């Protein structure tokens, strides 16, 4: 039931990546990245990189559940660092070039299903051998005839090979490439983003005579399209309708002693349609609203050799969803932020051809954050509400490892001249 909860991340970064730039600000305003102008828009709408040509950014947060250091999933790390540089500053249309580097990894979810096919593979998956390292995310932006255009390329890769004096005993590798393109036509009122990602791997072991396949990829591709339109302001209000669709396909074949034993496929289609609003409530006070619906149709199919195909479906409809957030000036050096996201969920679960389960419920998540700024330097942080009532260790003496510090997610930004 958490698949659509991370809809924005999935749509923005082609499933495997992560939102870059100051993602903390838009998260703490109620997950409103689609309808608020922010550096975090870049990986949803790549053309917006042209609006942030001189930027140094870093992200501090938790590891994913697939990358746990020292057995503590609550530890917080400096995960990502990147920068944008403007070239040809004296020309009418300078270029923007940038790069990001990330310590986190990409983990294809099909690996979880491969684990059921043989115990040896499960051991590999459990120990994280099939995580693939992020190598580079390169970004480029330029304006052609006053229309901003952006391009982003990300590459993930990791491999290992075991050899003795005469034989290669295993050969494993996994790689992923992501490419997205963005345009902002119609006097920069329309933002459009397109993206594609492909994942492949090699998984071979020596069976005494030759290297044979344990598993093979079979058609692993992700696609997305995002769009939003900025209406002319009507007084203090600016309307922002938006649309997004993502298609993900993963497939794998499982082998025993080099003989095909089974196949597994995952297909996921996520659709979003909404209407956002920016309200300039007062000087340096922005209130944001968003209303719409989301749909997620998720299906897996599996087939063992000689047996009929089995199918599993898990469909979600969020009708409607609401998001409300605020970014308000408090002091010269601080902004206060808060938000809420509420979704009315309809879930249809079909574990097999003869069984259907239906659920209706609502999901509501609240957020609290702050932005600290000194000149060109900004720190955006989410705030743990429990910390405000619990207080720091030197007051409470609490040493509960399940409690977060004042913040477990921070974005750092410096806009240089």
Protein backbone atom coordinates (compact mmCIF):
# COMPACT_ATOMS: atom_id res chain seq x y z
CA UNK A 1 0.00 0.00 0.00
CA UNK A 2 3.02 2.28 -0.04
CA UNK A 3 3.64 2.12 -3.80
CA UNK A 4 1.69 5.25 -4.68
CA UNK A 5 2.91 7.01 -1.57
CA UNK A 6 6.22 7.41 -3.37
CA UNK A 7 4.56 8.33 -6.67
CA UNK A 8 6.38 11.63 -7.04
CA UNK A 9 9.77 9.97 -6.69
CA UNK A 10 8.93 7.23 -9.16
CA UNK A 11 7.60 9.60 -11.76
CA UNK A 12 10.40 12.10 -11.41
CA UNK A 13 13.38 9.82 -11.62
CA UNK A 14 12.54 6.78 -13.66
CA UNK A 15 12.05 4.36 -10.77
CA UNK A 16 15.65 3.82 -9.82
CA UNK A 17 17.09 7.21 -9.17
CA UNK A 18 16.32 9.82 -6.58
CA UNK A 19 15.16 13.41 -6.57
CA UNK A 20 18.07 15.85 -6.55
CA UNK A 21 18.63 19.49 -5.53
CA UNK A 22 16.62 20.84 -2.58
CA UNK A 23 14.05 18.07 -2.36
CA UNK A 24 13.53 18.70 1.37
CA UNK A 25 11.71 21.99 0.80
CA UNK A 26 9.01 20.59 -1.49
CA UNK A 27 8.66 17.44 0.64
CA UNK A 28 8.01 19.38 3.85
CA UNK A 29 5.39 21.49 2.07
CA UNK A 30 3.32 18.34 1.46
CA UNK A 31 5.09 16.61 -1.46
CA UNK A 32 4.26 19.46 -3.86
CA UNK A 33 7.24 19.19 -6.22
CA UNK A 34 4.94 19.20 -9.25
CA UNK A 35 3.32 22.59 -8.53
CA UNK A 36 6.06 24.63 -6.81
CA UNK A 37 9.06 26.20 -8.53
CA UNK A 38 12.17 24.76 -6.92
CA UNK A 39 15.54 23.26 -7.82
CA UNK A 40 13.99 19.86 -7.10
CA UNK A 41 11.92 20.28 -10.29
CA UNK A 42 15.01 19.61 -12.39
CA UNK A 43 14.68 15.83 -12.42
CA UNK A 44 10.97 15.96 -13.18
CA UNK A 45 11.25 18.76 -15.74
CA UNK A 46 14.90 18.83 -16.97
CA UNK A 47 14.51 22.14 -18.85
CA UNK A 48 14.26 23.96 -15.50
CA UNK A 49 18.00 23.45 -14.99
CA UNK A 50 18.39 26.66 -17.01
CA UNK A 51 16.87 28.61 -14.09
CA UNK A 52 19.60 27.41 -11.68
CA UNK A 53 22.86 27.85 -13.62
CA UNK A 54 25.22 28.39 -10.67
CA UNK A 55 24.43 25.92 -7.92
CA UNK A 56 26.19 23.67 -5.43
CA UNK A 57 23.84 21.18 -3.76
CA UNK A 58 24.12 18.30 -1.30
CA UNK A 59 21.60 15.92 0.27
CA UNK A 60 21.77 14.46 3.76
CA UNK A 61 19.40 11.61 4.64
CA UNK A 62 18.93 7.96 5.47
CA UNK A 63 20.18 5.07 3.41
CA UNK A 64 17.58 3.06 1.58
CA UNK A 65 16.49 -0.23 3.12
CA UNK A 66 18.77 -2.00 0.64
CA UNK A 67 21.88 -0.11 1.77
CA UNK A 68 22.20 -0.37 5.53
CA UNK A 69 25.54 0.41 7.13
CA UNK A 70 26.58 -1.32 10.35
CA UNK A 71 23.07 -2.76 10.69
CA UNK A 72 21.52 0.61 11.56
CA UNK A 73 18.90 1.71 9.05
CA UNK A 74 18.29 4.94 10.97
CA UNK A 75 21.77 6.36 10.47
CA UNK A 76 21.93 9.58 8.48
CA UNK A 77 24.57 10.20 5.81
CA UNK A 78 25.74 12.78 3.32
CA UNK A 79 24.38 10.88 0.34
CA UNK A 80 24.77 13.15 -2.66
CA UNK A 81 26.81 16.12 -3.88
CA UNK A 82 26.56 17.99 -7.18
CA UNK A 83 26.97 21.33 -8.91
CA UNK A 84 25.85 23.35 -11.94
CA UNK A 85 28.17 25.62 -13.93
CA UNK A 86 27.28 28.29 -16.48
CA UNK A 87 29.35 28.45 -19.65
CA UNK A 88 29.38 31.30 -22.16
CA UNK A 89 28.04 33.82 -19.68
CA UNK A 90 28.48 36.73 -22.08
CA UNK A 91 26.36 35.12 -24.81
CA UNK A 92 22.62 35.61 -25.18
CA UNK A 93 21.97 31.95 -24.36
CA UNK A 94 24.62 30.48 -22.01
CA UNK A 95 24.95 26.74 -21.47
CA UNK A 96 24.48 25.07 -18.10
CA UNK A 97 26.51 21.95 -17.33
CA UNK A 98 26.44 19.95 -14.13
CA UNK A 99 27.15 16.64 -12.44
CA UNK A 100 25.95 14.74 -9.36
CA UNK A 101 27.52 11.84 -7.48
CA UNK A 102 25.56 9.63 -5.09
CA UNK A 103 26.58 7.03 -2.51
CA UNK A 104 23.23 5.25 -2.73
CA UNK A 105 22.52 2.34 -5.04
CA UNK A 106 19.91 1.18 -7.51
CA UNK A 107 18.13 -2.06 -6.62
CA UNK A 108 15.78 -3.63 -9.23
CA UNK A 109 12.66 -4.97 -7.54
CA UNK A 110 12.60 -8.00 -9.84
CA UNK A 111 15.52 -9.26 -7.73
CA UNK A 112 13.11 -9.84 -4.84
CA UNK A 113 11.14 -12.24 -7.00
CA UNK A 114 14.21 -13.94 -8.39
CA UNK A 115 15.06 -14.81 -4.79
CA UNK A 116 12.29 -17.40 -4.75
CA UNK A 117 13.78 -19.33 -7.62
CA UNK A 118 16.80 -20.78 -5.85
CA UNK A 119 18.42 -20.48 -2.46
CA UNK A 120 21.85 -19.53 -3.83
CA UNK A 121 20.43 -16.50 -5.60
CA UNK A 122 18.56 -15.49 -2.50
CA UNK A 123 21.86 -15.43 -0.64
CA UNK A 124 23.30 -13.10 -3.26
CA UNK A 125 20.30 -10.79 -3.15
CA UNK A 126 20.25 -10.75 0.64
CA UNK A 127 23.91 -9.76 0.85
CA UNK A 128 23.36 -6.92 -1.59
CA UNK A 129 25.53 -8.21 -4.45
CA UNK A 130 22.88 -7.05 -6.90
CA UNK A 131 22.88 -3.46 -5.81
CA UNK A 132 24.45 -1.40 -8.58
CA UNK A 133 26.54 1.67 -7.80
CA UNK A 134 25.67 5.12 -9.04
CA UNK A 135 28.55 6.26 -11.25
CA UNK A 136 27.46 9.63 -12.63
CA UNK A 137 24.50 11.89 -13.30
CA UNK A 138 25.30 14.50 -15.94
CA UNK A 139 22.99 17.44 -16.68
CA UNK A 140 23.01 20.00 -19.48
CA UNK A 141 20.73 22.95 -20.22
CA UNK A 142 20.43 25.55 -22.98
CA UNK A 143 17.85 27.90 -24.47
CA UNK A 144 17.06 27.48 -28.16
CA UNK A 145 15.12 30.44 -29.57
CA UNK A 146 14.20 31.47 -26.02
CA UNK A 147 12.87 27.97 -25.21
CA UNK A 148 14.66 26.22 -22.31
CA UNK A 149 15.81 22.66 -23.06
CA UNK A 150 17.41 20.23 -20.60
CA UNK A 151 19.01 16.79 -20.84
CA UNK A 152 19.94 14.42 -17.99
CA UNK A 153 21.89 11.16 -18.16
CA UNK A 154 22.49 8.79 -15.23
CA UNK A 155 24.62 5.65 -15.20
CA UNK A 156 24.74 2.83 -12.64
CA UNK A 157 27.08 -0.17 -12.84
CA UNK A 158 28.67 -2.86 -10.70
CA UNK A 159 30.27 -6.23 -11.48
CA UNK A 160 32.33 -9.03 -10.00
CA UNK A 161 34.10 -12.05 -11.42
CA UNK A 162 35.73 -15.02 -9.69
CA UNK A 163 38.59 -16.96 -11.33
CA UNK A 164 40.98 -19.72 -10.40
CA UNK A 165 44.09 -20.79 -12.29
CA UNK A 166 42.15 -22.25 -15.23
CA UNK A 167 38.47 -21.34 -14.93
CA UNK A 168 36.09 -18.44 -14.40
CA UNK A 169 33.83 -19.73 -11.61
CA UNK A 170 31.29 -16.92 -11.66
CA UNK A 171 30.59 -13.75 -13.61
CA UNK A 172 28.04 -11.24 -12.30
CA UNK A 173 27.30 -7.65 -13.29
CA UNK A 174 24.39 -5.24 -13.43
CA UNK A 175 24.00 -1.87 -15.11
CA UNK A 176 21.34 0.77 -15.64
CA UNK A 177 21.11 3.85 -17.85
CA UNK A 178 18.57 6.66 -17.51
CA UNK A 179 17.97 9.44 -20.03
CA UNK A 180 15.46 12.29 -19.73
CA UNK A 181 14.68 15.33 -21.88
CA UNK A 182 12.76 18.47 -20.93
CA UNK A 183 11.26 21.39 -22.86
CA UNK A 184 9.60 24.64 -21.71
CA UNK A 185 7.76 26.14 -24.73
CA UNK A 186 4.89 28.68 -24.86
CA UNK A 187 6.90 31.51 -23.30
CA UNK A 188 8.10 29.10 -20.58
CA UNK A 189 4.56 28.53 -19.31
CA UNK A 190 4.53 24.82 -20.28
CA UNK A 191 7.03 22.38 -18.75
CA UNK A 192 7.31 18.90 -20.30
CA UNK A 193 9.59 16.04 -19.27
CA UNK A 194 10.19 12.72 -21.07
CA UNK A 195 12.34 9.85 -19.83
CA UNK A 196 13.48 6.31 -20.49
CA UNK A 197 15.56 3.88 -18.43
CA UNK A 198 16.98 0.44 -19.19
CA UNK A 199 18.41 -2.18 -16.83
CA UNK A 200 20.37 -5.31 -17.70
CA UNK A 201 22.57 -7.82 -15.89
CA UNK A 202 24.73 -10.94 -16.20
CA UNK A 203 24.47 -13.82 -13.73
CA UNK A 204 26.59 -16.87 -14.62
CA UNK A 205 28.28 -19.64 -12.62
CA UNK A 206 30.53 -22.55 -13.53
CA UNK A 207 28.70 -25.92 -13.51
CA UNK A 208 31.79 -28.10 -13.89
CA UNK A 209 31.89 -27.85 -17.67
CA UNK A 210 31.11 -24.25 -18.63
CA UNK A 211 29.67 -20.97 -17.43
CA UNK A 212 25.87 -21.24 -17.41
CA UNK A 213 23.11 -18.76 -16.68
CA UNK A 214 21.43 -18.59 -13.28
CA UNK A 215 19.17 -15.76 -14.34
CA UNK A 216 18.77 -13.57 -17.42
CA UNK A 217 16.99 -10.21 -17.85
CA UNK A 218 14.00 -10.12 -20.16
CA UNK A 219 12.78 -6.69 -21.27
CA UNK A 220 13.53 -4.26 -18.44
CA UNK A 221 12.48 -0.71 -19.32
CA UNK A 222 10.87 2.31 -17.67
CA UNK A 223 9.18 5.26 -19.43
CA UNK A 224 7.68 8.48 -18.11
CA UNK A 225 6.04 11.71 -19.30
CA UNK A 226 5.33 14.72 -17.06
CA UNK A 227 3.68 18.01 -17.96
CA UNK A 228 2.44 21.13 -16.17
CA UNK A 229 1.17 24.53 -17.28
CA UNK A 230 1.56 27.87 -15.46
CA UNK A 231 -1.46 30.09 -16.02
CA UNK A 232 -1.03 33.85 -15.83
CA UNK A 233 -1.51 35.06 -12.23
CA UNK A 234 -5.05 36.04 -11.25
CA UNK A 235 -4.44 38.49 -8.46
CA UNK A 236 -2.54 36.54 -5.82
CA UNK A 237 -3.41 33.14 -7.35
CA UNK A 238 -1.54 31.11 -9.98
CA UNK A 239 -3.15 27.91 -11.27
CA UNK A 240 -0.96 24.93 -12.24
CA UNK A 241 -2.71 21.93 -13.87
CA UNK A 242 -0.42 18.94 -14.23
CA UNK A 243 -0.29 15.46 -15.72
CA UNK A 244 2.02 12.46 -15.41
CA UNK A 245 2.22 8.87 -16.58
CA UNK A 246 4.83 6.21 -15.98
CA UNK A 247 5.20 2.72 -17.40
CA UNK A 248 7.59 0.18 -15.90
CA UNK A 249 8.33 -3.32 -17.21
CA UNK A 250 10.67 -5.79 -15.57
CA UNK A 251 11.29 -9.36 -16.59
CA UNK A 252 13.66 -12.21 -15.78
CA UNK A 253 14.25 -15.86 -16.56
CA UNK A 254 15.41 -18.33 -13.94
CA UNK A 255 17.63 -21.31 -14.79
CA UNK A 256 18.69 -24.53 -13.05
CA UNK A 257 21.95 -26.04 -14.30
CA UNK A 258 21.66 -23.83 -17.36
CA UNK A 259 18.13 -25.04 -18.23
CA UNK A 260 15.24 -22.57 -18.28
CA UNK A 261 12.97 -23.27 -15.32
CA UNK A 262 10.69 -20.25 -14.99
CA UNK A 263 9.96 -16.69 -16.06
CA UNK A 264 8.73 -13.72 -14.08
CA UNK A 265 7.35 -10.37 -15.28
CA UNK A 266 6.32 -7.17 -13.52
CA UNK A 267 4.30 -4.43 -15.18
CA UNK A 268 3.30 -1.19 -13.49
CA UNK A 269 1.41 1.79 -14.93
CA UNK A 270 1.01 4.92 -12.79
CA UNK A 271 -1.18 7.83 -13.89
CA UNK A 272 -1.64 11.21 -12.23
CA UNK A 273 -3.89 14.16 -13.08
CA UNK A 274 -4.20 17.19 -10.82
CA UNK A 275 -4.82 20.89 -10.43
CA UNK A 276 -2.42 22.89 -8.31
CA UNK A 277 -2.50 26.41 -6.96
CA UNK A 278 0.08 28.91 -5.69
CA UNK A 279 -1.31 31.64 -3.42
CA UNK A 280 0.85 34.60 -2.43
CA UNK A 281 -0.80 35.04 0.94
CA UNK A 282 1.50 37.87 2.04
CA UNK A 283 4.97 39.14 1.33
CA UNK A 284 7.34 36.14 1.44
CA UNK A 285 4.48 33.79 2.36
CA UNK A 286 3.52 31.11 -0.18
CA UNK A 287 0.55 28.78 0.35
CA UNK A 288 0.19 25.83 -2.02
CA UNK A 289 -2.74 23.56 -2.77
CA UNK A 290 -3.09 20.54 -5.05
CA UNK A 291 -6.10 18.38 -5.88
CA UNK A 292 -6.41 15.40 -8.21
CA UNK A 293 -6.36 11.65 -8.58
CA UNK A 294 -3.77 8.93 -9.06
CA UNK A 295 -4.07 5.40 -10.40
CA UNK A 296 -1.62 2.52 -10.14
CA UNK A 297 -2.18 -0.77 -11.99
CA UNK A 298 0.41 -3.31 -10.88
CA UNK A 299 0.60 -6.85 -12.25
CA UNK A 300 3.02 -9.76 -11.96
CA UNK A 301 2.99 -12.98 -13.95
CA UNK A 302 5.06 -16.09 -13.39
CA UNK A 303 5.33 -19.41 -15.18
CA UNK A 304 7.25 -22.57 -14.40
CA UNK A 305 8.18 -24.76 -17.34
CA UNK A 306 5.28 -27.08 -18.14
CA UNK A 307 2.83 -25.28 -15.82
CA UNK A 308 0.15 -22.70 -16.67
CA UNK A 309 0.93 -19.04 -16.10
CA UNK A 310 -0.14 -17.50 -12.78
CA UNK A 311 -1.08 -13.87 -12.31
CA UNK A 312 -1.17 -11.41 -9.41
CA UNK A 313 -2.80 -7.96 -9.56
CA UNK A 314 -2.74 -5.06 -7.14
CA UNK A 315 -4.62 -1.97 -8.32
CA UNK A 316 -4.88 1.35 -6.50
CA UNK A 317 -7.04 4.39 -7.11
CA UNK A 318 -6.54 7.55 -5.07
CA UNK A 319 -9.70 9.57 -5.68
CA UNK A 320 -9.21 12.27 -4.67
CA UNK A 321 -5.95 13.37 -3.13
CA UNK A 322 -5.31 16.69 -1.41
CA UNK A 323 -2.05 18.50 -0.67
CA UNK A 324 -1.69 21.74 1.27
CA UNK A 325 1.56 23.43 2.23
CA UNK A 326 3.10 26.70 3.35
CA UNK A 327 6.50 28.37 3.10
CA UNK A 328 6.48 31.45 5.33
CA UNK A 329 9.09 34.04 6.24
CA UNK A 330 9.60 34.15 10.01
CA UNK A 331 12.99 35.77 10.52
CA UNK A 332 15.53 37.25 8.18
CA UNK A 333 17.46 34.00 8.46
CA UNK A 334 14.61 31.46 8.68
CA UNK A 335 11.44 30.29 6.89
CA UNK A 336 8.90 27.95 8.48
CA UNK A 337 7.33 25.21 6.38
CA UNK A 338 4.55 22.71 6.90
CA UNK A 339 2.23 20.57 4.85
CA UNK A 340 -0.21 17.70 4.65
CA UNK A 341 -0.99 15.07 2.04
CA UNK A 342 -4.27 13.15 2.27
CA UNK A 343 -5.37 10.42 -0.14
CA UNK A 344 -8.67 8.55 -0.36
CA UNK A 345 -7.63 5.09 -1.39
CA UNK A 346 -9.48 2.31 -3.23
CA UNK A 347 -7.49 -0.90 -3.43
CA UNK A 348 -8.37 -4.02 -5.42
CA UNK A 349 -6.11 -6.97 -4.65
CA UNK A 350 -6.22 -10.21 -6.69
CA UNK A 351 -3.63 -12.76 -5.53
CA UNK A 352 -4.95 -15.32 -8.04
CA UNK A 353 -7.64 -15.80 -10.68
CA UNK A 354 -10.34 -16.83 -8.18
CA UNK A 355 -9.73 -14.49 -5.23
CA UNK A 356 -10.48 -10.75 -5.00
CA UNK A 357 -10.12 -8.46 -1.99
CA UNK A 358 -11.25 -4.82 -1.89
CA UNK A 359 -10.26 -2.11 0.57
CA UNK A 360 -11.29 1.51 1.16
CA UNK A 361 -9.29 3.73 3.48
CA UNK A 362 -7.55 7.08 3.67
CA UNK A 363 -3.85 7.89 4.02
CA UNK A 364 -2.80 11.17 5.63
CA UNK A 365 0.77 12.29 6.17
CA UNK A 366 1.87 15.55 7.81
CA UNK A 367 5.15 17.43 7.43
CA UNK A 368 7.11 20.07 9.30
CA UNK A 369 10.22 21.84 8.03
CA UNK A 370 12.39 24.93 8.13
CA UNK A 371 14.70 26.80 5.81
CA UNK A 372 17.77 28.59 7.14
CA UNK A 373 19.49 31.09 4.86
CA UNK A 374 22.54 33.29 5.13
CA UNK A 375 23.32 35.19 1.95
CA UNK A 376 23.65 32.67 -0.89
CA UNK A 377 23.75 29.66 1.45
CA UNK A 378 20.56 27.74 2.37
CA UNK A 379 19.86 24.76 4.63
CA UNK A 380 16.47 23.08 4.20
CA UNK A 381 15.55 20.57 6.92
CA UNK A 382 12.59 18.45 7.85
CA UNK A 383 11.78 18.63 11.55
CA UNK A 384 10.80 15.64 13.67
CA UNK A 385 7.70 16.89 15.56
CA UNK A 386 8.46 14.50 18.41
CA UNK A 387 11.79 16.23 18.92
CA UNK A 388 9.96 19.48 19.71
CA UNK A 389 8.10 17.86 22.59
CA UNK A 390 10.82 15.40 23.61
CA UNK A 391 13.73 17.82 23.51
CA UNK A 392 17.43 17.05 23.01
CA UNK A 393 19.36 14.38 24.88
CA UNK A 394 20.98 16.78 27.37
CA UNK A 395 17.47 17.66 28.65
CA UNK A 396 15.70 14.27 28.50
CA UNK A 397 18.56 11.81 28.81
CA UNK A 398 16.70 9.68 26.29
CA UNK A 399 18.89 7.27 24.32
CA UNK A 400 16.27 5.39 22.33
CA UNK A 401 17.84 4.23 19.04
CA UNK A 402 14.44 4.33 17.35
CA UNK A 403 14.15 8.07 17.92
CA UNK A 404 15.37 10.42 15.23
CA UNK A 405 17.38 13.54 15.90
CA UNK A 406 15.85 16.93 15.24
CA UNK A 407 16.11 16.20 11.49
CA UNK A 408 16.89 13.10 9.42
CA UNK A 409 16.66 14.82 6.03
CA UNK A 410 18.57 17.98 5.09
CA UNK A 411 19.31 19.74 1.80
CA UNK A 412 22.26 22.10 1.45
CA UNK A 413 22.41 24.70 -1.31
CA UNK A 414 24.79 27.45 -2.31
CA UNK A 415 23.94 29.76 -5.23
CA UNK A 416 27.27 31.18 -6.33
CA UNK A 417 27.75 34.29 -8.47
